Amino acid sequence: AARMLPMTNVSRNDAENFCRWLTMGERAKGLLEPRQIYRLPTDHEWSMAAGLPREKGDSPAERSDRIEGMYPWGFTWPPTPAPGNLWDATAAGTVRSKDNIKGLNDKFAGLSPVRSFPADPRTKIFDLAGNVWEWVEEDFGGDDSKLARQGVVRGGSWRTKERKELLASHRRHL
C-alpha cells in the first residue's frame, strides 16, 4: 500500500468543511448515526490525548505553556528515540544548518508519510507530535484582541525545533 503524506496548507475552515463533508458522506452510506459527526478535537481533547492533566484557564491562550516538562511523547528532552518528524539532523543538513534538535535524527528531510513512527504506547495515537501542526476547534482567546479570534494549532511540525513549541501544553495561534 502506498504511504500517504499528511495534508498541508489546510486552513481551519478547510478542515471544518472536510469534517462536514465526511459526516454527510458517511451518514449517506449508513456508516454514521444521525447524531454522530466528525469534527476537530477540542483544545481539552487534544491535551488529554497528549497525556496532560486538566489545565487551568478559560481559553487556549490562558492554558498555553502552563505545564512545563511534559511532551506528547513523555518527559524527556531532547526526545529519544524520535517520537515523530521534527527538525532533526537530516532536515537541518539539507539546508546546511546546525540549528536542529541536538542528538535527534528521524531520517526525514521534509514531511514523513503518516504513521512513520510508532503509536504512543499510552494512547495508541499516531503522529501527535511533529510532521504537521494540528487544528483544534477553539479560537485562541485571551486579552489580545488581535489574537483572540485566531485559530489554534498544536503538536509542532517537521520544522519545529524549539523545546517550548513542543511542550504538550503549547498552543500556537494562526
N, C-alpha and C. Protein backbone atom coordinates (compact mmCIF):
# COMPACT_ATOMS: atom_id res chain seq x y z
N ALA A 1 0.84 -1.18 0.00
CA ALA A 1 0.00 0.00 0.00
C ALA A 1 0.89 1.24 0.00
N ALA A 2 0.46 2.24 -0.73
CA ALA A 2 1.20 3.49 -0.81
C ALA A 2 1.14 4.21 0.53
N ARG A 3 2.25 4.80 0.91
CA ARG A 3 2.28 5.57 2.16
C ARG A 3 1.93 7.00 1.83
N MET A 4 0.97 7.53 2.55
CA MET A 4 0.43 8.86 2.27
C MET A 4 1.09 9.93 3.13
N LEU A 5 1.34 11.09 2.52
CA LEU A 5 1.82 12.24 3.27
C LEU A 5 0.63 12.96 3.89
N PRO A 6 0.85 13.65 5.01
CA PRO A 6 -0.26 14.41 5.62
C PRO A 6 -0.62 15.60 4.75
N MET A 7 -1.84 16.06 4.89
CA MET A 7 -2.27 17.26 4.18
C MET A 7 -1.60 18.48 4.82
N THR A 8 -1.19 19.40 3.97
CA THR A 8 -0.56 20.64 4.44
C THR A 8 -1.29 21.84 3.87
N ASN A 9 -1.00 22.99 4.40
CA ASN A 9 -1.60 24.25 3.94
C ASN A 9 -3.13 24.19 3.98
N VAL A 10 -3.65 23.63 5.05
CA VAL A 10 -5.09 23.49 5.25
C VAL A 10 -5.51 24.51 6.31
N SER A 11 -6.43 25.39 5.96
CA SER A 11 -6.93 26.35 6.93
C SER A 11 -7.87 25.64 7.90
N ARG A 12 -8.16 26.28 9.01
CA ARG A 12 -9.12 25.70 9.95
C ARG A 12 -10.48 25.56 9.27
N ASN A 13 -10.86 26.55 8.49
CA ASN A 13 -12.13 26.49 7.76
C ASN A 13 -12.15 25.28 6.81
N ASP A 14 -11.05 25.05 6.10
CA ASP A 14 -10.96 23.88 5.21
C ASP A 14 -11.13 22.58 6.02
N ALA A 15 -10.46 22.50 7.17
CA ALA A 15 -10.54 21.29 8.00
C ALA A 15 -11.96 21.07 8.50
N GLU A 16 -12.62 22.15 8.93
CA GLU A 16 -14.00 22.04 9.40
C GLU A 16 -14.94 21.65 8.25
N ASN A 17 -14.72 22.20 7.07
CA ASN A 17 -15.54 21.82 5.92
C ASN A 17 -15.33 20.37 5.53
N PHE A 18 -14.10 19.88 5.63
CA PHE A 18 -13.84 18.46 5.36
C PHE A 18 -14.61 17.58 6.34
N CYS A 19 -14.61 17.96 7.61
CA CYS A 19 -15.35 17.19 8.63
C CYS A 19 -16.84 17.13 8.27
N ARG A 20 -17.41 18.27 7.85
CA ARG A 20 -18.83 18.28 7.47
C ARG A 20 -19.07 17.39 6.24
N TRP A 21 -18.19 17.49 5.25
CA TRP A 21 -18.31 16.68 4.03
C TRP A 21 -18.24 15.19 4.37
N LEU A 22 -17.27 14.82 5.20
CA LEU A 22 -17.11 13.41 5.58
C LEU A 22 -18.32 12.93 6.38
N THR A 23 -18.83 13.76 7.27
CA THR A 23 -20.03 13.40 8.04
C THR A 23 -21.20 13.12 7.11
N MET A 24 -21.46 14.02 6.18
CA MET A 24 -22.59 13.83 5.25
C MET A 24 -22.42 12.58 4.41
N GLY A 25 -21.21 12.35 3.90
CA GLY A 25 -20.95 11.18 3.08
C GLY A 25 -21.12 9.88 3.83
N GLU A 26 -20.64 9.82 5.06
CA GLU A 26 -20.75 8.58 5.84
C GLU A 26 -22.16 8.36 6.38
N ARG A 27 -22.88 9.44 6.64
CA ARG A 27 -24.29 9.28 7.01
C ARG A 27 -25.07 8.71 5.83
N ALA A 28 -24.80 9.22 4.62
CA ALA A 28 -25.49 8.74 3.42
C ALA A 28 -25.22 7.26 3.18
N LYS A 29 -24.05 6.78 3.57
CA LYS A 29 -23.71 5.36 3.41
C LYS A 29 -24.19 4.51 4.59
N GLY A 30 -24.80 5.15 5.58
CA GLY A 30 -25.27 4.43 6.75
C GLY A 30 -24.17 4.07 7.73
N LEU A 31 -23.01 4.71 7.62
CA LEU A 31 -21.88 4.42 8.50
C LEU A 31 -21.91 5.24 9.79
N LEU A 32 -22.71 6.31 9.80
CA LEU A 32 -22.86 7.14 10.99
C LEU A 32 -24.33 7.27 11.33
N GLU A 33 -24.62 7.31 12.60
CA GLU A 33 -25.98 7.59 13.07
C GLU A 33 -26.27 9.07 12.86
N PRO A 34 -27.54 9.48 12.81
CA PRO A 34 -27.86 10.89 12.57
C PRO A 34 -27.22 11.88 13.54
N ARG A 35 -26.97 11.48 14.77
CA ARG A 35 -26.37 12.42 15.74
C ARG A 35 -24.85 12.37 15.76
N GLN A 36 -24.25 11.42 15.06
CA GLN A 36 -22.79 11.33 15.04
C GLN A 36 -22.22 12.29 14.00
N ILE A 37 -21.08 12.90 14.35
CA ILE A 37 -20.41 13.82 13.43
C ILE A 37 -18.89 13.67 13.53
N TYR A 38 -18.23 14.08 12.48
CA TYR A 38 -16.78 14.27 12.52
C TYR A 38 -16.55 15.74 12.79
N ARG A 39 -15.54 16.04 13.60
CA ARG A 39 -15.20 17.42 13.92
C ARG A 39 -13.76 17.48 14.38
N LEU A 40 -13.23 18.69 14.46
CA LEU A 40 -11.90 18.86 15.02
C LEU A 40 -11.97 18.59 16.52
N PRO A 41 -10.86 18.15 17.11
CA PRO A 41 -10.89 17.95 18.56
C PRO A 41 -10.96 19.29 19.28
N THR A 42 -11.53 19.29 20.46
CA THR A 42 -11.47 20.50 21.28
C THR A 42 -10.04 20.63 21.80
N ASP A 43 -9.72 21.80 22.30
CA ASP A 43 -8.41 22.02 22.89
C ASP A 43 -8.19 21.07 24.07
N HIS A 44 -9.20 20.88 24.91
CA HIS A 44 -9.09 19.94 26.04
C HIS A 44 -8.88 18.50 25.56
N GLU A 45 -9.58 18.09 24.52
CA GLU A 45 -9.42 16.73 23.99
C GLU A 45 -7.99 16.51 23.49
N TRP A 46 -7.43 17.50 22.78
CA TRP A 46 -6.06 17.36 22.29
C TRP A 46 -5.12 17.21 23.49
N SER A 47 -5.32 18.03 24.52
CA SER A 47 -4.48 17.94 25.72
C SER A 47 -4.57 16.57 26.38
N MET A 48 -5.77 16.03 26.47
CA MET A 48 -5.93 14.70 27.07
C MET A 48 -5.22 13.64 26.23
N ALA A 49 -5.31 13.75 24.90
CA ALA A 49 -4.63 12.80 24.03
C ALA A 49 -3.12 12.86 24.21
N ALA A 50 -2.61 14.06 24.54
CA ALA A 50 -1.17 14.24 24.77
C ALA A 50 -0.76 13.87 26.19
N GLY A 51 -1.71 13.44 27.02
CA GLY A 51 -1.40 12.99 28.36
C GLY A 51 -1.37 14.07 29.43
N LEU A 52 -1.83 15.27 29.11
CA LEU A 52 -1.83 16.35 30.10
C LEU A 52 -2.95 16.18 31.11
N PRO A 53 -2.71 16.60 32.35
CA PRO A 53 -3.81 16.66 33.32
C PRO A 53 -4.71 17.85 32.96
N ARG A 54 -5.85 17.96 33.60
CA ARG A 54 -6.77 19.08 33.36
C ARG A 54 -6.02 20.39 33.55
N GLU A 55 -6.12 21.29 32.58
CA GLU A 55 -5.39 22.56 32.63
C GLU A 55 -6.30 23.69 33.10
N LYS A 56 -5.72 24.65 33.80
CA LYS A 56 -6.45 25.83 34.26
C LYS A 56 -6.44 26.89 33.17
N GLY A 57 -7.53 27.65 33.10
CA GLY A 57 -7.64 28.73 32.12
C GLY A 57 -8.88 28.56 31.30
N ASP A 58 -9.48 29.69 30.92
CA ASP A 58 -10.74 29.67 30.17
C ASP A 58 -10.55 29.62 28.66
N SER A 59 -9.33 29.80 28.17
CA SER A 59 -9.10 29.80 26.72
C SER A 59 -7.77 29.13 26.43
N PRO A 60 -7.56 28.71 25.18
CA PRO A 60 -6.24 28.18 24.82
C PRO A 60 -5.10 29.15 25.13
N ALA A 61 -5.34 30.45 24.95
CA ALA A 61 -4.31 31.44 25.27
C ALA A 61 -3.93 31.37 26.74
N GLU A 62 -4.91 31.23 27.62
CA GLU A 62 -4.65 31.17 29.06
C GLU A 62 -4.01 29.85 29.47
N ARG A 63 -4.26 28.78 28.74
CA ARG A 63 -3.71 27.47 29.09
C ARG A 63 -2.33 27.23 28.48
N SER A 64 -1.96 27.99 27.46
CA SER A 64 -0.72 27.74 26.72
C SER A 64 0.52 27.84 27.61
N ASP A 65 1.37 26.83 27.49
CA ASP A 65 2.69 26.78 28.13
C ASP A 65 2.66 26.74 29.66
N ARG A 66 1.52 26.45 30.26
CA ARG A 66 1.43 26.47 31.73
C ARG A 66 2.00 25.21 32.37
N ILE A 67 2.07 24.12 31.63
CA ILE A 67 2.62 22.89 32.19
C ILE A 67 3.97 22.63 31.52
N GLU A 68 5.02 22.71 32.31
CA GLU A 68 6.38 22.53 31.82
C GLU A 68 6.81 21.06 31.89
N GLY A 69 7.74 20.68 31.04
CA GLY A 69 8.39 19.38 31.14
C GLY A 69 7.61 18.19 30.61
N MET A 70 6.42 18.42 30.07
CA MET A 70 5.61 17.33 29.52
C MET A 70 5.46 17.53 28.02
N TYR A 71 5.72 16.47 27.27
CA TYR A 71 5.64 16.50 25.81
C TYR A 71 4.66 15.43 25.37
N PRO A 72 4.19 15.49 24.13
CA PRO A 72 3.27 14.43 23.68
C PRO A 72 3.86 13.02 23.80
N TRP A 73 5.17 12.90 23.84
CA TRP A 73 5.82 11.59 23.94
C TRP A 73 6.24 11.24 25.37
N GLY A 74 6.13 12.17 26.30
CA GLY A 74 6.53 11.88 27.68
C GLY A 74 7.27 13.04 28.31
N PHE A 75 8.37 12.75 29.03
CA PHE A 75 9.03 13.77 29.84
C PHE A 75 10.48 14.04 29.45
N THR A 76 10.98 13.47 28.38
CA THR A 76 12.40 13.61 28.05
C THR A 76 12.64 14.69 26.99
N TRP A 77 13.71 15.48 27.22
CA TRP A 77 14.19 16.45 26.23
C TRP A 77 15.70 16.36 26.21
N PRO A 78 16.30 16.24 25.04
CA PRO A 78 15.64 16.03 23.75
C PRO A 78 15.04 14.63 23.68
N PRO A 79 14.06 14.48 22.80
CA PRO A 79 13.39 13.18 22.70
C PRO A 79 14.29 12.11 22.09
N THR A 80 14.31 10.95 22.68
CA THR A 80 15.00 9.79 22.11
C THR A 80 14.23 8.54 22.47
N PRO A 81 13.96 7.68 21.52
CA PRO A 81 14.18 7.89 20.09
C PRO A 81 13.21 8.93 19.55
N ALA A 82 13.34 9.26 18.28
CA ALA A 82 12.48 10.27 17.67
C ALA A 82 11.01 9.87 17.81
N PRO A 83 10.19 10.70 18.46
CA PRO A 83 8.78 10.39 18.65
C PRO A 83 7.91 10.76 17.45
N GLY A 84 8.50 11.51 16.55
CA GLY A 84 7.78 12.00 15.37
C GLY A 84 8.75 12.75 14.50
N ASN A 85 8.25 13.31 13.43
CA ASN A 85 9.07 14.02 12.47
C ASN A 85 9.28 15.46 12.92
N LEU A 86 10.48 15.76 13.41
CA LEU A 86 10.82 17.09 13.92
C LEU A 86 12.05 17.62 13.19
N TRP A 87 12.46 18.85 13.51
CA TRP A 87 13.63 19.46 12.87
C TRP A 87 14.89 18.81 13.42
N ASP A 88 15.36 17.78 12.72
CA ASP A 88 16.47 16.95 13.16
C ASP A 88 17.71 17.19 12.31
N ALA A 89 18.73 16.35 12.51
CA ALA A 89 19.98 16.48 11.77
C ALA A 89 19.77 16.31 10.27
N THR A 90 18.90 15.40 9.86
CA THR A 90 18.65 15.18 8.42
C THR A 90 18.04 16.43 7.80
N ALA A 91 17.00 16.98 8.41
CA ALA A 91 16.35 18.17 7.87
C ALA A 91 17.30 19.36 7.85
N ALA A 92 18.00 19.59 8.95
CA ALA A 92 18.92 20.72 9.02
C ALA A 92 20.05 20.57 8.01
N GLY A 93 20.50 19.33 7.79
CA GLY A 93 21.59 19.09 6.84
C GLY A 93 21.24 19.46 5.41
N THR A 94 19.97 19.38 5.07
CA THR A 94 19.57 19.72 3.69
C THR A 94 19.72 21.21 3.40
N VAL A 95 19.77 22.03 4.44
CA VAL A 95 19.97 23.47 4.26
C VAL A 95 21.28 23.92 4.91
N ARG A 96 22.16 22.96 5.14
CA ARG A 96 23.48 23.23 5.74
C ARG A 96 23.38 24.05 7.01
N SER A 97 22.51 23.62 7.88
CA SER A 97 22.28 24.30 9.15
C SER A 97 22.63 23.37 10.30
N LYS A 98 22.97 23.96 11.41
CA LYS A 98 23.25 23.16 12.61
C LYS A 98 22.27 23.50 13.73
N ASP A 99 21.13 24.07 13.38
CA ASP A 99 20.17 24.53 14.39
C ASP A 99 19.09 23.50 14.70
N ASN A 100 19.40 22.24 14.53
CA ASN A 100 18.43 21.18 14.76
C ASN A 100 18.35 20.81 16.24
N ILE A 101 17.39 19.95 16.57
CA ILE A 101 17.31 19.40 17.93
C ILE A 101 18.51 18.48 18.10
N LYS A 102 19.38 18.83 19.00
CA LYS A 102 20.63 18.09 19.19
C LYS A 102 20.37 16.62 19.54
N GLY A 103 21.11 15.75 18.85
CA GLY A 103 21.02 14.33 19.12
C GLY A 103 19.85 13.62 18.47
N LEU A 104 19.04 14.36 17.69
CA LEU A 104 17.85 13.76 17.08
C LEU A 104 18.07 13.56 15.60
N ASN A 105 17.76 12.36 15.12
CA ASN A 105 17.80 12.10 13.68
C ASN A 105 16.67 11.14 13.35
N ASP A 106 15.59 11.70 12.79
CA ASP A 106 14.43 10.87 12.43
C ASP A 106 14.52 10.37 10.99
N LYS A 107 15.55 10.81 10.27
CA LYS A 107 15.86 10.37 8.91
C LYS A 107 14.94 10.95 7.83
N PHE A 108 14.13 11.96 8.17
CA PHE A 108 13.28 12.61 7.17
C PHE A 108 13.72 14.06 7.00
N ALA A 109 14.00 14.44 5.75
CA ALA A 109 14.44 15.81 5.46
C ALA A 109 13.25 16.76 5.34
N GLY A 110 12.07 16.24 5.10
CA GLY A 110 10.85 17.03 4.99
C GLY A 110 9.72 16.26 5.65
N LEU A 111 8.53 16.38 5.07
CA LEU A 111 7.38 15.63 5.61
C LEU A 111 7.65 14.13 5.59
N SER A 112 7.10 13.44 6.55
CA SER A 112 7.20 11.98 6.57
C SER A 112 5.81 11.41 6.29
N PRO A 113 5.75 10.22 5.68
CA PRO A 113 4.44 9.59 5.49
C PRO A 113 3.73 9.38 6.84
N VAL A 114 2.43 9.43 6.81
CA VAL A 114 1.62 9.19 8.01
C VAL A 114 1.98 7.82 8.58
N ARG A 115 2.04 7.73 9.90
CA ARG A 115 2.37 6.51 10.63
C ARG A 115 3.80 6.02 10.40
N SER A 116 4.72 6.93 10.16
CA SER A 116 6.13 6.55 10.03
C SER A 116 6.76 6.24 11.38
N PHE A 117 6.11 6.66 12.44
CA PHE A 117 6.61 6.46 13.80
C PHE A 117 5.58 5.64 14.57
N PRO A 118 6.03 4.90 15.58
CA PRO A 118 5.08 4.08 16.34
C PRO A 118 4.02 4.93 17.04
N ALA A 119 2.87 4.32 17.27
CA ALA A 119 1.81 4.98 18.04
C ALA A 119 2.29 5.15 19.48
N ASP A 120 1.78 6.17 20.14
CA ASP A 120 2.08 6.37 21.55
C ASP A 120 1.58 5.14 22.30
N PRO A 121 2.44 4.48 23.08
CA PRO A 121 2.01 3.25 23.76
C PRO A 121 0.89 3.49 24.78
N ARG A 122 0.78 4.71 25.32
CA ARG A 122 -0.26 5.01 26.30
C ARG A 122 -1.62 5.19 25.65
N THR A 123 -1.65 5.88 24.50
CA THR A 123 -2.92 6.27 23.90
C THR A 123 -3.25 5.56 22.59
N LYS A 124 -2.24 4.95 21.98
CA LYS A 124 -2.37 4.30 20.67
C LYS A 124 -2.63 5.31 19.54
N ILE A 125 -2.31 6.59 19.78
CA ILE A 125 -2.48 7.64 18.77
C ILE A 125 -1.18 7.82 18.01
N PHE A 126 -1.28 7.92 16.69
CA PHE A 126 -0.13 8.15 15.83
C PHE A 126 0.05 9.65 15.58
N ASP A 127 1.30 10.06 15.41
CA ASP A 127 1.66 11.37 14.85
C ASP A 127 1.12 12.58 15.61
N LEU A 128 1.04 12.50 16.93
CA LEU A 128 0.57 13.64 17.71
C LEU A 128 1.64 14.73 17.79
N ALA A 129 2.90 14.34 17.75
CA ALA A 129 3.99 15.31 17.78
C ALA A 129 4.68 15.35 16.42
N GLY A 130 4.89 16.55 15.91
CA GLY A 130 5.66 16.72 14.68
C GLY A 130 4.87 16.49 13.41
N ASN A 131 5.58 16.51 12.32
CA ASN A 131 5.10 16.37 10.94
C ASN A 131 4.27 17.58 10.51
N VAL A 132 3.03 17.72 10.99
CA VAL A 132 2.24 18.93 10.70
C VAL A 132 1.51 19.37 11.98
N TRP A 133 1.36 20.68 12.14
CA TRP A 133 0.57 21.22 13.25
C TRP A 133 -0.87 20.75 13.07
N GLU A 134 -1.59 20.60 14.16
CA GLU A 134 -2.96 20.08 14.13
C GLU A 134 -3.94 21.11 14.68
N TRP A 135 -5.00 21.37 13.91
CA TRP A 135 -6.04 22.32 14.32
C TRP A 135 -6.88 21.76 15.47
N VAL A 136 -7.33 22.64 16.35
CA VAL A 136 -8.37 22.32 17.33
C VAL A 136 -9.54 23.27 17.08
N GLU A 137 -10.68 22.99 17.70
CA GLU A 137 -11.92 23.74 17.45
C GLU A 137 -11.89 25.21 17.86
N GLU A 138 -11.32 25.51 19.02
CA GLU A 138 -11.48 26.84 19.61
C GLU A 138 -10.64 27.92 18.95
N ASP A 139 -11.09 29.17 19.17
CA ASP A 139 -10.28 30.34 18.90
C ASP A 139 -9.24 30.45 20.01
N PHE A 140 -8.15 31.18 19.75
CA PHE A 140 -7.06 31.33 20.71
C PHE A 140 -7.52 32.01 21.99
N GLY A 141 -8.34 33.05 21.88
CA GLY A 141 -8.86 33.73 23.06
C GLY A 141 -7.82 34.62 23.71
N GLY A 142 -8.06 34.95 24.95
CA GLY A 142 -7.13 35.79 25.70
C GLY A 142 -7.46 37.27 25.59
N ASP A 143 -6.56 38.10 26.12
CA ASP A 143 -6.80 39.53 26.21
C ASP A 143 -6.39 40.32 24.98
N ASP A 144 -5.53 39.77 24.14
CA ASP A 144 -5.07 40.49 22.95
C ASP A 144 -6.12 40.36 21.84
N SER A 145 -6.78 41.45 21.53
CA SER A 145 -7.88 41.41 20.56
C SER A 145 -7.41 40.98 19.17
N LYS A 146 -6.14 41.19 18.84
CA LYS A 146 -5.61 40.77 17.53
C LYS A 146 -5.46 39.26 17.44
N LEU A 147 -5.27 38.62 18.58
CA LEU A 147 -5.05 37.17 18.60
C LEU A 147 -6.29 36.38 18.99
N ALA A 148 -7.22 37.01 19.70
CA ALA A 148 -8.35 36.30 20.31
C ALA A 148 -9.16 35.48 19.32
N ARG A 149 -9.38 35.97 18.10
CA ARG A 149 -10.21 35.26 17.11
C ARG A 149 -9.40 34.34 16.19
N GLN A 150 -8.10 34.26 16.41
CA GLN A 150 -7.28 33.39 15.58
C GLN A 150 -7.48 31.93 15.99
N GLY A 151 -7.20 31.03 15.06
CA GLY A 151 -7.30 29.61 15.34
C GLY A 151 -6.12 29.12 16.16
N VAL A 152 -6.19 27.86 16.56
CA VAL A 152 -5.17 27.26 17.42
C VAL A 152 -4.69 25.96 16.78
N VAL A 153 -3.36 25.80 16.72
CA VAL A 153 -2.77 24.53 16.30
C VAL A 153 -1.89 24.01 17.42
N ARG A 154 -1.72 22.70 17.42
CA ARG A 154 -0.97 22.02 18.47
C ARG A 154 -0.02 20.99 17.87
N GLY A 155 1.01 20.60 18.63
CA GLY A 155 1.83 19.45 18.31
C GLY A 155 3.10 19.66 17.51
N GLY A 156 3.33 20.85 16.98
CA GLY A 156 4.55 21.07 16.21
C GLY A 156 4.51 20.49 14.82
N SER A 157 5.59 20.69 14.10
CA SER A 157 5.70 20.19 12.72
C SER A 157 7.12 19.67 12.48
N TRP A 158 7.37 19.23 11.27
CA TRP A 158 8.70 18.73 10.93
C TRP A 158 9.74 19.86 10.97
N ARG A 159 9.29 21.10 11.00
CA ARG A 159 10.19 22.25 11.08
C ARG A 159 10.38 22.76 12.52
N THR A 160 9.75 22.11 13.48
CA THR A 160 9.80 22.57 14.86
C THR A 160 11.06 22.06 15.55
N LYS A 161 11.76 22.98 16.20
CA LYS A 161 12.98 22.61 16.92
C LYS A 161 13.02 23.17 18.33
N GLU A 162 12.17 24.14 18.64
CA GLU A 162 12.19 24.79 19.95
C GLU A 162 11.49 23.93 20.99
N ARG A 163 12.17 23.70 22.09
CA ARG A 163 11.62 22.89 23.18
C ARG A 163 10.24 23.40 23.61
N LYS A 164 10.11 24.71 23.77
CA LYS A 164 8.85 25.29 24.23
C LYS A 164 7.71 24.98 23.26
N GLU A 165 7.96 25.04 21.95
CA GLU A 165 6.90 24.77 20.97
C GLU A 165 6.47 23.31 20.96
N LEU A 166 7.30 22.44 21.52
CA LEU A 166 6.97 21.02 21.56
C LEU A 166 6.38 20.56 22.89
N LEU A 167 6.26 21.48 23.84
CA LEU A 167 5.56 21.14 25.08
C LEU A 167 4.14 20.72 24.74
N ALA A 168 3.63 19.73 25.42
CA ALA A 168 2.25 19.30 25.19
C ALA A 168 1.28 20.45 25.48
N SER A 169 1.65 21.37 26.35
CA SER A 169 0.77 22.48 26.72
C SER A 169 0.88 23.68 25.79
N HIS A 170 1.75 23.63 24.79
CA HIS A 170 1.93 24.79 23.91
C HIS A 170 0.81 24.90 22.87
N ARG A 171 0.33 26.12 22.71
CA ARG A 171 -0.64 26.43 21.67
C ARG A 171 -0.03 27.50 20.78
N ARG A 172 -0.24 27.36 19.49
CA ARG A 172 0.22 28.37 18.53
C ARG A 172 -1.02 28.96 17.88
N HIS A 173 -1.07 30.28 17.82
CA HIS A 173 -2.21 30.93 17.17
C HIS A 173 -1.89 31.15 15.70
N LEU A 174 -2.89 30.97 14.85
CA LEU A 174 -2.75 31.19 13.40
C LEU A 174 -3.97 31.92 12.88
